[in-house]
């Protein structure tokens, strides 16, 4: 659910260094979970030594101050303290710095040179190319309650006509309208497929992301559900949309949000849950951690130790009613059990655990909302999903819907598919970017056929 992201923070202190000239722009590229992440260090001579800034072009970040810059005996050392970033490399005679980039306990090889590195374009054969055989329009709509303006794309099978529609709801983290992650654009592929087959689609940037306004740092799944409702209300104003045939399709966290909206709104015609959850958030993250760590080769002793720490941390978080006290208690606990971890690593974990989104997610049980959903529901998942395990969640979703008396339910588990509905080998998140396929055609066809049944 949550994707690995490099958080780049500020702070600047220079230290005295001696040695050969290292000034100028140094370019390199990290390979993180199959994704290229370009970095540029701008090193300048000062009266006392050197200073530097860092750019991360692929993240749109420029001029990030480097806390400490050292160069002595051909060894370059850089650090950005608040982000837990360290780099050390040796300048060779070929004018290439061979080194290692470290952040938050992870190490990656990173070589730097004066040559500009071009952005790699991954092969994604399913992504559609313009001109599309349908009408596309950039749109804006407002969540008036929260004073948030959402920017999105509406695709219609034709410019004129009246069509059934689907609102796409992205997973957790800052997602644009294409739900772009790991070099893939799942919502672009899904919306294209549905619109080519007669269904209008609204997809939009999450609040505070891309062209949408608002602050995502203070938002929870409930807040995002109000953004979705604003999208539904917008579609109801469009003459091209059949107001009685508007449905929702949510992926991952979006599969939590869709039932929230459907439970509150009788005019939702159907919902599609793509790897949605059926159990409480703290259970989801514990299961996710265990499955991913075991599949990644973590030893049983290390795994059990990590799970013990996670369970205790989540127990503290779910029982807490005071954010600042939680941060204090968590910090003290993690310092005891993670004695070799740096303070900034622990601080990052504590801040994430105490964030409004995580606090809400850990405590949220989707069952009560599912019990109130009366419209038709399609719940699907991949058998190799390590982030939202298929069997336990599909069973919980079906149980909650049945408890509420909903008999219009279809549940299906797809063999060999991961959390993104890709045909995969391991199901590990690290594999997502290495797979050319963005969305299994088998899953796409199942979604389309089911929706067409609901809109007859």
Protein backbone atom coordinates (compact mmCIF):
# COMPACT_ATOMS: atom_id res chain seq x y z
CA UNK A 1 0.00 0.00 0.00
CA UNK A 2 2.51 2.54 1.04
CA UNK A 3 5.23 2.95 -1.59
CA UNK A 4 8.97 3.48 -0.73
CA UNK A 5 9.61 7.24 -1.13
CA UNK A 6 12.79 9.29 -0.53
CA UNK A 7 11.80 12.18 1.76
CA UNK A 8 14.18 15.07 1.19
CA UNK A 9 14.39 17.63 4.00
CA UNK A 10 16.44 20.77 4.63
CA UNK A 11 19.42 21.86 6.73
CA UNK A 12 22.88 23.24 5.87
CA UNK A 13 26.22 23.28 7.63
CA UNK A 14 29.57 23.23 5.85
CA UNK A 15 32.77 21.77 7.25
CA UNK A 16 36.39 22.45 6.47
CA UNK A 17 37.88 20.11 3.89
CA UNK A 18 41.11 19.96 1.99
CA UNK A 19 42.14 18.27 -1.24
CA UNK A 20 41.73 18.41 -4.98
CA UNK A 21 38.98 20.38 -6.67
CA UNK A 22 35.59 18.69 -6.60
CA UNK A 23 33.41 21.65 -7.54
CA UNK A 24 30.70 21.43 -10.17
CA UNK A 25 27.63 19.35 -10.92
CA UNK A 26 27.80 15.62 -10.26
CA UNK A 27 25.10 13.35 -11.70
CA UNK A 28 24.04 9.86 -10.68
CA UNK A 29 21.05 7.52 -10.69
CA UNK A 30 19.80 5.21 -7.97
CA UNK A 31 17.96 2.02 -8.80
CA UNK A 32 15.19 1.65 -6.22
CA UNK A 33 12.78 -1.28 -6.62
CA UNK A 34 13.46 -1.26 -10.35
CA UNK A 35 12.88 2.47 -10.68
CA UNK A 36 15.55 4.97 -11.74
CA UNK A 37 15.88 7.94 -9.38
CA UNK A 38 18.25 10.60 -10.70
CA UNK A 39 20.23 12.76 -8.27
CA UNK A 40 22.40 15.81 -8.95
CA UNK A 41 24.84 17.25 -6.41
CA UNK A 42 25.97 20.85 -6.94
CA UNK A 43 29.25 21.34 -5.08
CA UNK A 44 30.67 24.83 -4.46
CA UNK A 45 33.94 26.10 -2.99
CA UNK A 46 33.62 28.31 0.10
CA UNK A 47 36.10 30.23 2.22
CA UNK A 48 36.25 27.37 4.70
CA UNK A 49 35.84 24.36 2.45
CA UNK A 50 32.83 23.24 0.41
CA UNK A 51 29.04 23.44 0.43
CA UNK A 52 26.52 21.56 -1.68
CA UNK A 53 22.90 21.23 -2.66
CA UNK A 54 21.06 18.27 -4.12
CA UNK A 55 18.40 17.97 -6.82
CA UNK A 56 16.09 15.01 -7.31
CA UNK A 57 14.67 15.72 -10.79
CA UNK A 58 12.38 12.70 -10.87
CA UNK A 59 10.73 13.89 -7.64
CA UNK A 60 10.60 17.53 -8.73
CA UNK A 61 12.92 18.59 -5.89
CA UNK A 62 15.66 21.18 -6.38
CA UNK A 63 18.22 22.97 -4.23
CA UNK A 64 18.00 20.74 -1.16
CA UNK A 65 20.76 21.92 1.21
CA UNK A 66 23.39 19.34 2.11
CA UNK A 67 24.14 19.42 5.83
CA UNK A 68 27.82 18.50 5.58
CA UNK A 69 30.17 18.37 2.60
CA UNK A 70 33.65 16.90 2.91
CA UNK A 71 36.34 16.10 0.35
CA UNK A 72 39.76 14.85 1.39
CA UNK A 73 42.25 12.38 -0.15
CA UNK A 74 39.89 11.83 -3.10
CA UNK A 75 37.02 10.81 -0.76
CA UNK A 76 33.74 12.74 -1.06
CA UNK A 77 31.36 12.66 1.90
CA UNK A 78 27.91 14.22 1.85
CA UNK A 79 25.10 14.10 4.38
CA UNK A 80 21.58 15.46 4.74
CA UNK A 81 20.92 14.89 8.42
CA UNK A 82 17.16 15.44 8.62
CA UNK A 83 16.52 12.97 5.81
CA UNK A 84 18.96 10.37 7.11
CA UNK A 85 20.96 10.57 3.87
CA UNK A 86 24.67 9.82 3.65
CA UNK A 87 26.90 9.45 0.62
CA UNK A 88 30.54 8.42 0.43
CA UNK A 89 32.52 7.88 -2.74
CA UNK A 90 36.05 7.88 -4.15
CA UNK A 91 37.00 10.09 -7.09
CA UNK A 92 38.94 8.07 -9.63
CA UNK A 93 41.28 9.11 -12.42
CA UNK A 94 38.43 8.62 -14.90
CA UNK A 95 36.56 11.54 -13.24
CA UNK A 96 33.93 9.13 -11.86
CA UNK A 97 33.05 9.00 -8.17
CA UNK A 98 32.34 5.41 -7.14
CA UNK A 99 30.34 5.24 -3.95
CA UNK A 100 27.37 4.25 -1.79
CA UNK A 101 24.17 6.15 -0.99
CA UNK A 102 22.54 5.38 2.37
CA UNK A 103 19.16 6.38 3.73
CA UNK A 104 17.14 5.10 6.67
CA UNK A 105 19.24 1.95 7.06
CA UNK A 106 19.24 1.06 3.35
CA UNK A 107 22.30 1.16 1.08
CA UNK A 108 22.42 1.60 -2.69
CA UNK A 109 25.39 1.82 -5.09
CA UNK A 110 25.62 5.29 -6.60
CA UNK A 111 28.31 6.48 -9.01
CA UNK A 112 28.60 10.16 -9.90
CA UNK A 113 30.00 11.82 -13.01
CA UNK A 114 29.87 15.17 -14.79
CA UNK A 115 27.76 13.67 -17.59
CA UNK A 116 24.03 14.41 -17.55
CA UNK A 117 21.87 11.32 -17.10
CA UNK A 118 18.72 11.08 -19.18
CA UNK A 119 15.52 9.80 -17.63
CA UNK A 120 14.79 6.18 -18.52
CA UNK A 121 11.44 5.41 -20.05
CA UNK A 122 10.21 1.97 -18.96
CA UNK A 123 8.43 -0.22 -21.46
CA UNK A 124 4.72 -0.18 -20.68
CA UNK A 125 2.91 -1.71 -23.68
CA UNK A 126 -0.58 -1.31 -22.20
CA UNK A 127 -0.40 2.47 -21.85
CA UNK A 128 -2.62 4.07 -24.51
CA UNK A 129 -1.24 6.68 -26.88
CA UNK A 130 -3.05 9.66 -28.30
CA UNK A 131 -5.19 10.31 -30.22
CA UNK A 132 -7.70 8.27 -28.23
CA UNK A 133 -10.85 6.93 -29.91
CA UNK A 134 -12.99 8.72 -27.31
CA UNK A 135 -13.53 12.16 -25.78
CA UNK A 136 -11.24 13.36 -23.00
CA UNK A 137 -11.65 16.49 -20.87
CA UNK A 138 -9.68 18.00 -17.99
CA UNK A 139 -12.11 18.91 -15.22
CA UNK A 140 -12.22 20.51 -11.77
CA UNK A 141 -14.70 19.97 -8.96
CA UNK A 142 -14.89 21.09 -5.35
CA UNK A 143 -15.24 19.45 -1.97
CA UNK A 144 -16.91 22.50 -0.48
CA UNK A 145 -16.96 21.16 3.07
CA UNK A 146 -13.15 20.99 3.19
CA UNK A 147 -12.47 23.80 0.67
CA UNK A 148 -10.53 21.42 -1.57
CA UNK A 149 -10.47 21.66 -5.37
CA UNK A 150 -9.89 18.37 -7.13
CA UNK A 151 -8.41 18.21 -10.63
CA UNK A 152 -9.10 15.25 -12.85
CA UNK A 153 -9.84 13.78 -16.24
CA UNK A 154 -13.26 12.78 -17.53
CA UNK A 155 -13.33 10.35 -20.45
CA UNK A 156 -16.51 9.75 -22.42
CA UNK A 157 -17.06 7.09 -25.11
CA UNK A 158 -18.27 9.93 -27.34
CA UNK A 159 -18.56 13.67 -26.89
CA UNK A 160 -22.33 13.50 -27.18
CA UNK A 161 -24.61 10.95 -25.53
CA UNK A 162 -25.62 9.65 -22.12
CA UNK A 163 -23.34 7.07 -20.50
CA UNK A 164 -22.91 5.05 -17.30
CA UNK A 165 -19.90 6.19 -15.30
CA UNK A 166 -17.28 5.04 -12.82
CA UNK A 167 -15.27 7.14 -10.36
CA UNK A 168 -11.81 5.65 -9.75
CA UNK A 169 -10.43 5.86 -6.19
CA UNK A 170 -6.68 5.48 -5.71
CA UNK A 171 -4.69 3.63 -3.07
CA UNK A 172 -2.75 5.10 -0.16
CA UNK A 173 -0.03 7.69 -0.55
CA UNK A 174 0.09 10.70 -2.83
CA UNK A 175 -1.44 9.46 -6.08
CA UNK A 176 -2.14 11.37 -9.26
CA UNK A 177 -5.15 10.68 -11.45
CA UNK A 178 -3.37 7.79 -13.19
CA UNK A 179 -2.49 6.24 -9.79
CA UNK A 180 1.08 6.44 -11.04
CA UNK A 181 3.52 4.27 -9.11
CA UNK A 182 6.57 2.11 -9.78
CA UNK A 183 6.64 3.33 -13.38
CA UNK A 184 3.06 2.19 -14.00
CA UNK A 185 -0.21 4.05 -14.56
CA UNK A 186 -2.92 1.53 -13.59
CA UNK A 187 -5.80 4.02 -13.66
CA UNK A 188 -4.85 5.28 -17.12
CA UNK A 189 -4.97 1.70 -18.40
CA UNK A 190 -8.22 0.90 -16.57
CA UNK A 191 -10.01 4.09 -17.60
CA UNK A 192 -8.92 3.65 -21.21
CA UNK A 193 -10.21 0.07 -21.26
CA UNK A 194 -13.58 0.97 -19.76
CA UNK A 195 -14.14 4.05 -21.92
CA UNK A 196 -13.32 2.17 -25.12
CA UNK A 197 -16.10 -0.19 -24.06
CA UNK A 198 -18.85 2.38 -23.48
CA UNK A 199 -18.31 3.52 -19.89
CA UNK A 200 -17.43 7.08 -18.84
CA UNK A 201 -14.66 7.37 -16.24
CA UNK A 202 -13.68 10.13 -13.82
CA UNK A 203 -10.22 9.85 -12.31
CA UNK A 204 -8.62 12.63 -10.27
CA UNK A 205 -5.49 13.70 -8.43
CA UNK A 206 -5.58 13.09 -4.68
CA UNK A 207 -5.91 16.24 -2.58
CA UNK A 208 -2.60 18.08 -2.36
CA UNK A 209 -1.20 16.09 -5.29
CA UNK A 210 -0.42 17.30 -8.82
CA UNK A 211 -3.14 19.83 -9.75
CA UNK A 212 -5.44 19.26 -6.75
CA UNK A 213 -5.39 21.54 -3.72
CA UNK A 214 -5.56 20.66 -0.03
CA UNK A 215 -3.22 19.26 2.59
CA UNK A 216 -2.82 15.46 2.43
CA UNK A 217 -0.70 15.39 5.61
CA UNK A 218 -3.73 16.07 7.81
CA UNK A 219 -6.20 13.95 5.81
CA UNK A 220 -7.57 10.49 6.60
CA UNK A 221 -9.44 7.92 4.55
CA UNK A 222 -12.67 9.55 5.73
CA UNK A 223 -11.53 12.92 4.35
CA UNK A 224 -10.67 11.31 1.03
CA UNK A 225 -14.15 9.77 0.94
CA UNK A 226 -15.61 13.28 0.91
CA UNK A 227 -13.46 14.09 -2.13
CA UNK A 228 -14.96 11.06 -3.87
CA UNK A 229 -18.47 12.21 -2.99
CA UNK A 230 -17.64 15.57 -4.56
CA UNK A 231 -16.67 13.71 -7.72
CA UNK A 232 -19.98 11.85 -7.77
CA UNK A 233 -21.88 15.11 -7.31
CA UNK A 234 -19.92 16.64 -10.17
CA UNK A 235 -20.84 13.76 -12.49
CA UNK A 236 -24.49 14.25 -11.57
CA UNK A 237 -24.29 17.74 -13.06
CA UNK A 238 -23.06 16.46 -16.43
CA UNK A 239 -25.68 15.93 -19.10
CA UNK A 240 -23.59 13.13 -20.62
CA UNK A 241 -23.82 10.98 -17.49
CA UNK A 242 -26.67 8.64 -16.60
CA UNK A 243 -27.27 9.70 -12.99
CA UNK A 244 -28.77 6.33 -12.06
CA UNK A 245 -25.71 4.41 -13.25
CA UNK A 246 -22.76 5.97 -11.42
CA UNK A 247 -20.47 3.48 -9.68
CA UNK A 248 -17.17 3.49 -7.81
CA UNK A 249 -14.02 1.45 -8.30
CA UNK A 250 -11.41 1.68 -5.55
CA UNK A 251 -7.96 0.11 -5.38
CA UNK A 252 -6.34 -0.83 -2.05
CA UNK A 253 -7.21 2.08 0.30
CA UNK A 254 -9.70 3.07 -2.40
CA UNK A 255 -11.37 -0.27 -1.65
CA UNK A 256 -11.91 0.99 1.91
CA UNK A 257 -13.23 4.34 0.74
CA UNK A 258 -15.74 3.05 -1.83
CA UNK A 259 -17.91 1.26 0.77
CA UNK A 260 -17.80 4.37 3.00
CA UNK A 261 -19.28 6.43 0.18
CA UNK A 262 -21.77 3.76 -0.91
CA UNK A 263 -22.97 3.28 2.68
CA UNK A 264 -23.80 6.99 2.92
CA UNK A 265 -25.24 7.45 -0.60
CA UNK A 266 -28.12 5.42 -1.96
CA UNK A 267 -27.54 6.78 -5.46
CA UNK A 268 -24.32 4.77 -5.93
CA UNK A 269 -25.25 2.11 -8.48
CA UNK A 270 -22.41 -0.35 -7.80
CA UNK A 271 -18.91 -0.61 -6.34
CA UNK A 272 -15.80 -2.51 -7.41
CA UNK A 273 -13.24 -3.34 -4.71
CA UNK A 274 -9.79 -3.93 -6.20
CA UNK A 275 -7.66 -5.47 -3.45
CA UNK A 276 -9.84 -3.77 -0.86
CA UNK A 277 -9.59 -4.70 2.81
CA UNK A 278 -12.08 -6.47 5.03
CA UNK A 279 -10.22 -6.46 8.35
CA UNK A 280 -8.91 -3.72 10.65
CA UNK A 281 -5.92 -1.67 9.55
CA UNK A 282 -3.45 -2.81 12.20
CA UNK A 283 -4.09 -6.44 11.18
CA UNK A 284 -3.54 -5.56 7.52
CA UNK A 285 -0.14 -3.97 8.16
CA UNK A 286 0.98 -6.83 10.40
CA UNK A 287 0.02 -9.41 7.77
CA UNK A 288 1.63 -7.31 5.05
CA UNK A 289 4.88 -6.96 6.99
CA UNK A 290 5.10 -10.65 7.77
CA UNK A 291 4.40 -11.78 4.20
CA UNK A 292 6.76 -9.30 2.54
CA UNK A 293 9.61 -9.84 5.00
CA UNK A 294 9.32 -13.62 4.77
CA UNK A 295 9.19 -13.53 0.97
CA UNK A 296 12.20 -11.20 0.98
CA UNK A 297 14.28 -13.81 2.79
CA UNK A 298 14.29 -12.49 6.36
CA UNK A 299 15.32 -15.16 8.84
CA UNK A 300 12.64 -16.56 11.14
CA UNK A 301 14.32 -15.12 14.25
CA UNK A 302 14.58 -11.65 12.68
CA UNK A 303 11.00 -11.90 11.45
CA UNK A 304 9.57 -12.83 14.83
CA UNK A 305 11.53 -10.05 16.52
CA UNK A 306 10.26 -7.51 13.97
CA UNK A 307 6.68 -8.74 14.40
CA UNK A 308 6.91 -8.44 18.19
CA UNK A 309 8.08 -4.84 17.88
CA UNK A 310 5.36 -4.04 15.35
CA UNK A 311 2.59 -5.58 17.46
CA UNK A 312 3.64 -3.62 20.52
CA UNK A 313 3.95 -0.39 18.52
CA UNK A 314 0.52 -0.85 16.96
CA UNK A 315 -1.00 -1.68 20.33
CA UNK A 316 0.37 1.58 21.72
CA UNK A 317 -0.90 3.50 18.68
CA UNK A 318 -4.41 2.05 18.66
CA UNK A 319 -4.90 2.65 22.40
CA UNK A 320 -3.56 6.19 22.31
CA UNK A 321 -5.80 9.23 22.63
CA UNK A 322 -2.97 11.79 22.92
CA UNK A 323 -0.74 12.27 19.88
CA UNK A 324 2.16 13.94 21.70
CA UNK A 325 2.14 11.36 24.48
CA UNK A 326 2.10 8.60 21.86
CA UNK A 327 5.16 10.10 20.17
CA UNK A 328 6.98 10.26 23.50
CA UNK A 329 6.06 6.68 24.46
CA UNK A 330 6.86 5.26 21.02
CA UNK A 331 10.21 7.03 20.89
CA UNK A 332 11.19 5.64 24.28
CA UNK A 333 10.07 2.11 23.32
CA UNK A 334 11.80 2.06 19.93
CA UNK A 335 15.04 3.38 21.42
CA UNK A 336 14.98 0.42 23.79
CA UNK A 337 14.30 -2.25 21.17
CA UNK A 338 16.16 -0.68 18.22
CA UNK A 339 19.36 0.24 19.99
CA UNK A 340 21.47 0.32 16.82
CA UNK A 341 19.09 2.63 14.94
CA UNK A 342 19.89 6.29 14.44
CA UNK A 343 17.63 8.86 16.10
CA UNK A 344 16.40 10.24 12.79
CA UNK A 345 15.32 6.75 11.69
CA UNK A 346 13.32 6.29 14.90
CA UNK A 347 11.87 9.80 14.62
CA UNK A 348 10.70 9.05 11.08
CA UNK A 349 8.95 5.86 12.23
CA UNK A 350 7.33 7.63 15.17
CA UNK A 351 6.06 10.53 13.05
CA UNK A 352 4.58 8.11 10.51
CA UNK A 353 2.85 6.11 13.25
CA UNK A 354 1.42 9.23 14.88
CA UNK A 355 0.22 10.82 11.63
CA UNK A 356 -3.54 11.42 11.24
CA UNK A 357 -3.74 9.02 8.29
CA UNK A 358 -2.00 6.15 10.06
CA UNK A 359 -3.90 6.68 13.31
CA UNK A 360 -7.20 6.47 11.43
CA UNK A 361 -6.13 3.52 9.28
CA UNK A 362 -4.81 1.39 12.14
CA UNK A 363 -8.08 1.72 14.05
CA UNK A 364 -10.50 1.54 11.12
CA UNK A 365 -12.61 -1.59 10.73
CA UNK A 366 -14.26 -1.68 7.28
CA UNK A 367 -16.95 -4.20 8.32
CA UNK A 368 -19.57 -1.73 9.66
CA UNK A 369 -19.54 0.29 6.42
CA UNK A 370 -19.66 -2.88 4.30
CA UNK A 371 -22.70 -4.05 6.27
CA UNK A 372 -24.56 -0.90 5.19
CA UNK A 373 -23.78 -1.27 1.46
CA UNK A 374 -26.90 -2.32 -0.44
CA UNK A 375 -25.76 -1.86 -4.05
CA UNK A 376 -24.08 -4.64 -6.11
CA UNK A 377 -20.45 -5.30 -5.15
CA UNK A 378 -17.57 -6.91 -7.04
CA UNK A 379 -14.60 -7.73 -4.78
CA UNK A 380 -11.50 -9.11 -6.50
CA UNK A 381 -7.92 -9.72 -5.50
CA UNK A 382 -4.74 -11.40 -6.68
CA UNK A 383 -3.70 -14.71 -5.13
CA UNK A 384 -0.11 -13.43 -4.82
CA UNK A 385 -1.03 -10.10 -3.19
CA UNK A 386 1.36 -9.64 -0.25
CA UNK A 387 -0.01 -6.22 0.72
CA UNK A 388 -3.68 -7.12 1.09
CA UNK A 389 -3.75 -10.93 1.43
CA UNK A 390 -6.56 -12.22 -0.76
CA UNK A 391 -8.28 -15.03 1.13
CA UNK A 392 -8.69 -13.44 4.55
CA UNK A 393 -9.83 -10.09 3.13
CA UNK A 394 -12.20 -11.43 0.48
CA UNK A 395 -13.79 -13.70 3.09
CA UNK A 396 -14.17 -10.79 5.53
CA UNK A 397 -15.69 -8.56 2.84
CA UNK A 398 -18.19 -11.24 1.83
CA UNK A 399 -19.08 -11.95 5.46
CA UNK A 400 -19.76 -8.28 6.24
CA UNK A 401 -21.85 -7.77 3.11
CA UNK A 402 -23.87 -10.93 3.84
CA UNK A 403 -24.41 -9.82 7.44
CA UNK A 404 -25.97 -6.63 6.09
CA UNK A 405 -28.27 -8.62 3.83
CA UNK A 406 -26.57 -7.79 0.54
CA UNK A 407 -27.00 -10.72 -1.86
CA UNK A 408 -25.70 -8.91 -4.94
CA UNK A 409 -22.08 -9.79 -4.28
CA UNK A 410 -19.41 -11.32 -6.51
CA UNK A 411 -16.05 -12.30 -5.01
CA UNK A 412 -13.13 -13.61 -7.04
CA UNK A 413 -9.47 -14.42 -6.45
CA UNK A 414 -7.18 -14.39 -9.51
CA UNK A 415 -4.32 -16.91 -9.59
CA UNK A 416 -0.84 -15.50 -10.14
CA UNK A 417 -1.73 -11.80 -9.74
CA UNK A 418 -0.19 -9.34 -7.28
CA UNK A 419 -1.51 -6.26 -5.48
CA UNK A 420 -1.48 -4.25 -8.74
CA UNK A 421 -3.22 -7.08 -10.63
CA UNK A 422 -0.09 -7.86 -12.61
CA UNK A 423 0.90 -11.39 -13.63
CA UNK A 424 3.91 -11.95 -11.39
CA UNK A 425 6.41 -14.39 -9.93
CA UNK A 426 6.74 -13.46 -6.24
CA UNK A 427 4.13 -10.81 -5.46
CA UNK A 428 6.82 -8.64 -3.82
CA UNK A 429 6.46 -4.85 -4.24
CA UNK A 430 10.06 -4.79 -5.49
CA UNK A 431 8.85 -6.76 -8.50
CA UNK A 432 6.15 -4.28 -9.60
CA UNK A 433 8.41 -1.99 -11.61
CA UNK A 434 10.24 -4.84 -13.35
CA UNK A 435 7.03 -6.22 -14.90
CA UNK A 436 6.06 -4.75 -18.28
CA UNK A 437 2.38 -5.51 -17.75
CA UNK A 438 0.43 -2.84 -15.88
CA UNK A 439 -2.95 -4.58 -15.42
CA UNK A 440 -3.84 -8.17 -16.23
CA UNK A 441 -6.18 -8.39 -19.26
CA UNK A 442 -8.04 -11.19 -17.46
CA UNK A 443 -8.81 -8.89 -14.54
CA UNK A 444 -9.73 -6.01 -16.85
CA UNK A 445 -12.18 -8.23 -18.72
CA UNK A 446 -13.78 -9.47 -15.48
CA UNK A 447 -14.29 -5.90 -14.25
CA UNK A 448 -15.83 -4.81 -17.57
CA UNK A 449 -18.17 -7.80 -17.86
CA UNK A 450 -19.41 -7.37 -14.29
CA UNK A 451 -20.03 -3.62 -14.68
CA UNK A 452 -21.90 -4.18 -17.93
CA UNK A 453 -24.18 -6.62 -16.10
CA UNK A 454 -24.99 -3.93 -13.52
CA UNK A 455 -25.80 -1.19 -16.03
CA UNK A 456 -28.13 -3.11 -18.33
